[in-house]
Amino acid sequence: MSRYEVHHFTLADGWINSWTIANNDGEETPDSFVTLSDAQAELNDFFMEIESEIHSGERPFKYAYERDEYRIFDTKTKNYVG
């Protein structure tokens, strides 16, 4: 059972799990991770991809994200751990 979620802060809804995965039919559902290190690795990969897009000119800098907009949530303890 997955225990950790990557939450993003939104102005409308506060902290939510907006991290999704698409199934074979293309439908997106919220994603979660078995370990804290898996969730952290996914978040690190996300920021490396954003940085790469900015450096290549594919993404304007104004569309970058800040790390403090994201947290890792432990669904068992109901606390943010990263």
N, C-alpha and C. Protein backbone atom coordinates (compact mmCIF):
# COMPACT_ATOMS: atom_id res chain seq x y z
N MET A 1 0.84 -1.18 0.00
CA MET A 1 0.00 0.00 0.00
C MET A 1 0.89 1.25 0.00
N SER A 2 0.54 2.20 -0.84
CA SER A 2 1.31 3.44 -0.92
C SER A 2 1.00 4.34 0.26
N ARG A 3 2.04 4.97 0.75
CA ARG A 3 1.90 5.76 1.98
C ARG A 3 2.16 7.24 1.78
N TYR A 4 2.96 7.62 0.78
CA TYR A 4 3.40 9.01 0.63
C TYR A 4 2.81 9.64 -0.62
N GLU A 5 2.42 10.89 -0.50
CA GLU A 5 1.89 11.66 -1.62
C GLU A 5 2.70 12.94 -1.78
N VAL A 6 2.83 13.41 -3.01
CA VAL A 6 3.44 14.70 -3.27
C VAL A 6 2.31 15.71 -3.36
N HIS A 7 2.30 16.67 -2.46
CA HIS A 7 1.26 17.70 -2.45
C HIS A 7 1.80 19.00 -3.01
N HIS A 8 0.92 19.71 -3.69
CA HIS A 8 1.24 21.01 -4.28
C HIS A 8 0.31 22.04 -3.66
N PHE A 9 0.84 23.21 -3.33
CA PHE A 9 0.01 24.26 -2.76
C PHE A 9 -0.71 25.01 -3.87
N THR A 10 -2.03 25.07 -3.77
CA THR A 10 -2.84 25.81 -4.73
C THR A 10 -3.59 26.93 -4.01
N LEU A 11 -3.79 28.03 -4.70
CA LEU A 11 -4.51 29.15 -4.09
C LEU A 11 -5.96 28.79 -3.78
N ALA A 12 -6.58 28.01 -4.63
CA ALA A 12 -8.00 27.68 -4.46
C ALA A 12 -8.24 26.63 -3.38
N ASP A 13 -7.36 25.60 -3.32
CA ASP A 13 -7.64 24.46 -2.45
C ASP A 13 -6.59 24.20 -1.38
N GLY A 14 -5.56 25.01 -1.29
CA GLY A 14 -4.50 24.75 -0.33
C GLY A 14 -3.63 23.59 -0.78
N TRP A 15 -3.16 22.77 0.16
CA TRP A 15 -2.29 21.64 -0.15
C TRP A 15 -3.12 20.47 -0.65
N ILE A 16 -2.83 20.00 -1.88
CA ILE A 16 -3.56 18.88 -2.47
C ILE A 16 -2.59 17.94 -3.19
N ASN A 17 -3.02 16.70 -3.35
CA ASN A 17 -2.26 15.75 -4.15
C ASN A 17 -2.66 15.94 -5.60
N SER A 18 -1.87 16.72 -6.31
CA SER A 18 -2.14 16.95 -7.73
C SER A 18 -1.22 16.10 -8.61
N TRP A 19 -0.42 15.21 -7.98
CA TRP A 19 0.49 14.33 -8.69
C TRP A 19 -0.34 13.20 -9.26
N THR A 20 -0.34 13.03 -10.57
CA THR A 20 -1.19 12.01 -11.17
C THR A 20 -0.41 11.05 -12.05
N ILE A 21 -1.05 9.95 -12.34
CA ILE A 21 -0.52 8.94 -13.25
C ILE A 21 -1.66 8.54 -14.17
N ALA A 22 -1.33 8.31 -15.43
CA ALA A 22 -2.35 7.91 -16.41
C ALA A 22 -2.40 6.39 -16.52
N ASN A 23 -3.62 5.84 -16.53
CA ASN A 23 -3.76 4.40 -16.72
C ASN A 23 -3.76 4.08 -18.22
N ASN A 24 -3.98 2.84 -18.57
CA ASN A 24 -3.94 2.42 -19.97
C ASN A 24 -4.99 3.10 -20.84
N ASP A 25 -6.08 3.57 -20.23
CA ASP A 25 -7.14 4.25 -20.97
C ASP A 25 -6.89 5.75 -21.07
N GLY A 26 -5.78 6.22 -20.50
CA GLY A 26 -5.47 7.64 -20.53
C GLY A 26 -6.12 8.44 -19.42
N GLU A 27 -6.84 7.77 -18.53
CA GLU A 27 -7.48 8.46 -17.40
C GLU A 27 -6.44 8.71 -16.32
N GLU A 28 -6.43 9.92 -15.79
CA GLU A 28 -5.47 10.26 -14.75
C GLU A 28 -6.07 10.07 -13.37
N THR A 29 -5.29 9.49 -12.47
CA THR A 29 -5.69 9.29 -11.09
C THR A 29 -4.55 9.77 -10.19
N PRO A 30 -4.87 10.18 -8.96
CA PRO A 30 -3.81 10.61 -8.04
C PRO A 30 -2.78 9.50 -7.83
N ASP A 31 -1.52 9.91 -7.78
CA ASP A 31 -0.42 8.96 -7.60
C ASP A 31 0.06 9.03 -6.16
N SER A 32 0.64 7.95 -5.69
CA SER A 32 1.26 7.91 -4.36
C SER A 32 2.44 6.96 -4.42
N PHE A 33 3.23 6.94 -3.35
CA PHE A 33 4.50 6.22 -3.35
C PHE A 33 4.63 5.37 -2.09
N VAL A 34 5.28 4.23 -2.25
CA VAL A 34 5.43 3.30 -1.13
C VAL A 34 6.41 3.83 -0.09
N THR A 35 7.50 4.44 -0.56
CA THR A 35 8.52 4.93 0.38
C THR A 35 8.71 6.44 0.24
N LEU A 36 9.22 7.02 1.29
CA LEU A 36 9.55 8.44 1.29
C LEU A 36 10.61 8.73 0.24
N SER A 37 11.60 7.84 0.11
CA SER A 37 12.66 8.07 -0.87
C SER A 37 12.12 8.01 -2.30
N ASP A 38 11.12 7.17 -2.56
CA ASP A 38 10.49 7.14 -3.89
C ASP A 38 9.80 8.47 -4.20
N ALA A 39 9.07 8.99 -3.22
CA ALA A 39 8.38 10.27 -3.41
C ALA A 39 9.38 11.39 -3.62
N GLN A 40 10.46 11.40 -2.83
CA GLN A 40 11.48 12.44 -2.96
C GLN A 40 12.18 12.35 -4.30
N ALA A 41 12.47 11.13 -4.76
CA ALA A 41 13.12 10.95 -6.06
C ALA A 41 12.23 11.46 -7.19
N GLU A 42 10.95 11.20 -7.12
CA GLU A 42 10.01 11.68 -8.14
C GLU A 42 9.97 13.21 -8.16
N LEU A 43 9.95 13.80 -6.98
CA LEU A 43 9.94 15.27 -6.89
C LEU A 43 11.25 15.85 -7.42
N ASN A 44 12.37 15.24 -7.08
CA ASN A 44 13.67 15.70 -7.59
C ASN A 44 13.72 15.61 -9.11
N ASP A 45 13.22 14.50 -9.67
CA ASP A 45 13.18 14.34 -11.13
C ASP A 45 12.33 15.43 -11.78
N PHE A 46 11.22 15.75 -11.16
CA PHE A 46 10.33 16.81 -11.66
C PHE A 46 11.08 18.14 -11.76
N PHE A 47 11.79 18.50 -10.70
CA PHE A 47 12.51 19.77 -10.71
C PHE A 47 13.70 19.76 -11.67
N MET A 48 14.33 18.62 -11.83
CA MET A 48 15.42 18.53 -12.82
C MET A 48 14.86 18.70 -14.23
N GLU A 49 13.70 18.14 -14.49
CA GLU A 49 13.07 18.29 -15.81
C GLU A 49 12.68 19.74 -16.07
N ILE A 50 12.12 20.41 -15.08
CA ILE A 50 11.74 21.82 -15.23
C ILE A 50 12.99 22.66 -15.51
N GLU A 51 14.06 22.41 -14.74
CA GLU A 51 15.31 23.15 -14.93
C GLU A 51 15.88 22.92 -16.33
N SER A 52 15.81 21.70 -16.80
CA SER A 52 16.30 21.37 -18.14
C SER A 52 15.49 22.09 -19.21
N GLU A 53 14.17 22.14 -19.03
CA GLU A 53 13.31 22.85 -19.99
C GLU A 53 13.61 24.34 -20.02
N ILE A 54 13.91 24.91 -18.88
CA ILE A 54 14.25 26.34 -18.81
C ILE A 54 15.58 26.59 -19.52
N HIS A 55 16.58 25.76 -19.24
CA HIS A 55 17.90 25.94 -19.85
C HIS A 55 17.87 25.74 -21.36
N SER A 56 16.98 24.88 -21.83
CA SER A 56 16.91 24.62 -23.27
C SER A 56 16.05 25.66 -24.00
N GLY A 57 15.35 26.50 -23.23
CA GLY A 57 14.47 27.49 -23.83
C GLY A 57 13.07 26.99 -24.10
N GLU A 58 12.80 25.75 -23.76
CA GLU A 58 11.48 25.16 -23.98
C GLU A 58 10.43 25.75 -23.03
N ARG A 59 10.88 26.15 -21.83
CA ARG A 59 9.97 26.70 -20.82
C ARG A 59 10.53 28.05 -20.37
N PRO A 60 9.70 29.11 -20.42
CA PRO A 60 10.16 30.39 -19.91
C PRO A 60 10.39 30.32 -18.40
N PHE A 61 11.38 31.06 -17.91
CA PHE A 61 11.70 31.06 -16.49
C PHE A 61 10.49 31.43 -15.63
N LYS A 62 9.63 32.31 -16.15
CA LYS A 62 8.47 32.74 -15.36
C LYS A 62 7.50 31.59 -15.08
N TYR A 63 7.65 30.46 -15.78
CA TYR A 63 6.80 29.30 -15.55
C TYR A 63 7.50 28.21 -14.74
N ALA A 64 8.54 28.60 -14.03
CA ALA A 64 9.23 27.66 -13.14
C ALA A 64 8.41 27.50 -11.87
N TYR A 65 8.71 26.47 -11.12
CA TYR A 65 8.07 26.24 -9.83
C TYR A 65 9.11 26.39 -8.73
N GLU A 66 8.66 26.73 -7.55
CA GLU A 66 9.53 26.81 -6.38
C GLU A 66 9.37 25.53 -5.57
N ARG A 67 10.46 25.06 -4.99
CA ARG A 67 10.39 23.83 -4.20
C ARG A 67 9.45 23.95 -3.01
N ASP A 68 9.32 25.16 -2.45
CA ASP A 68 8.44 25.29 -1.29
C ASP A 68 6.96 25.22 -1.65
N GLU A 69 6.64 25.10 -2.94
CA GLU A 69 5.26 24.89 -3.37
C GLU A 69 4.87 23.41 -3.27
N TYR A 70 5.84 22.55 -2.96
CA TYR A 70 5.61 21.11 -2.90
C TYR A 70 6.06 20.55 -1.57
N ARG A 71 5.29 19.58 -1.08
CA ARG A 71 5.63 18.88 0.16
C ARG A 71 5.26 17.41 0.00
N ILE A 72 5.91 16.58 0.78
CA ILE A 72 5.58 15.16 0.80
C ILE A 72 4.74 14.90 2.04
N PHE A 73 3.60 14.25 1.81
CA PHE A 73 2.62 13.99 2.87
C PHE A 73 2.61 12.51 3.21
N ASP A 74 2.71 12.22 4.50
CA ASP A 74 2.64 10.84 4.99
C ASP A 74 1.17 10.55 5.31
N THR A 75 0.55 9.70 4.53
CA THR A 75 -0.89 9.43 4.72
C THR A 75 -1.17 8.63 5.98
N LYS A 76 -0.15 7.97 6.53
CA LYS A 76 -0.35 7.19 7.77
C LYS A 76 -0.37 8.11 8.99
N THR A 77 0.62 9.01 9.08
CA THR A 77 0.70 9.90 10.24
C THR A 77 -0.06 11.20 10.04
N LYS A 78 -0.45 11.47 8.79
CA LYS A 78 -1.16 12.71 8.42
C LYS A 78 -0.30 13.94 8.66
N ASN A 79 1.00 13.80 8.42
CA ASN A 79 1.94 14.90 8.58
C ASN A 79 2.77 15.08 7.32
N TYR A 80 3.26 16.30 7.13
CA TYR A 80 4.19 16.57 6.03
C TYR A 80 5.58 16.20 6.49
N VAL A 81 6.29 15.46 5.65
CA VAL A 81 7.62 14.95 6.03
C VAL A 81 8.72 15.45 5.10
N GLY A 82 8.38 16.17 4.08
CA GLY A 82 9.39 16.66 3.18
C GLY A 82 8.90 17.81 2.36
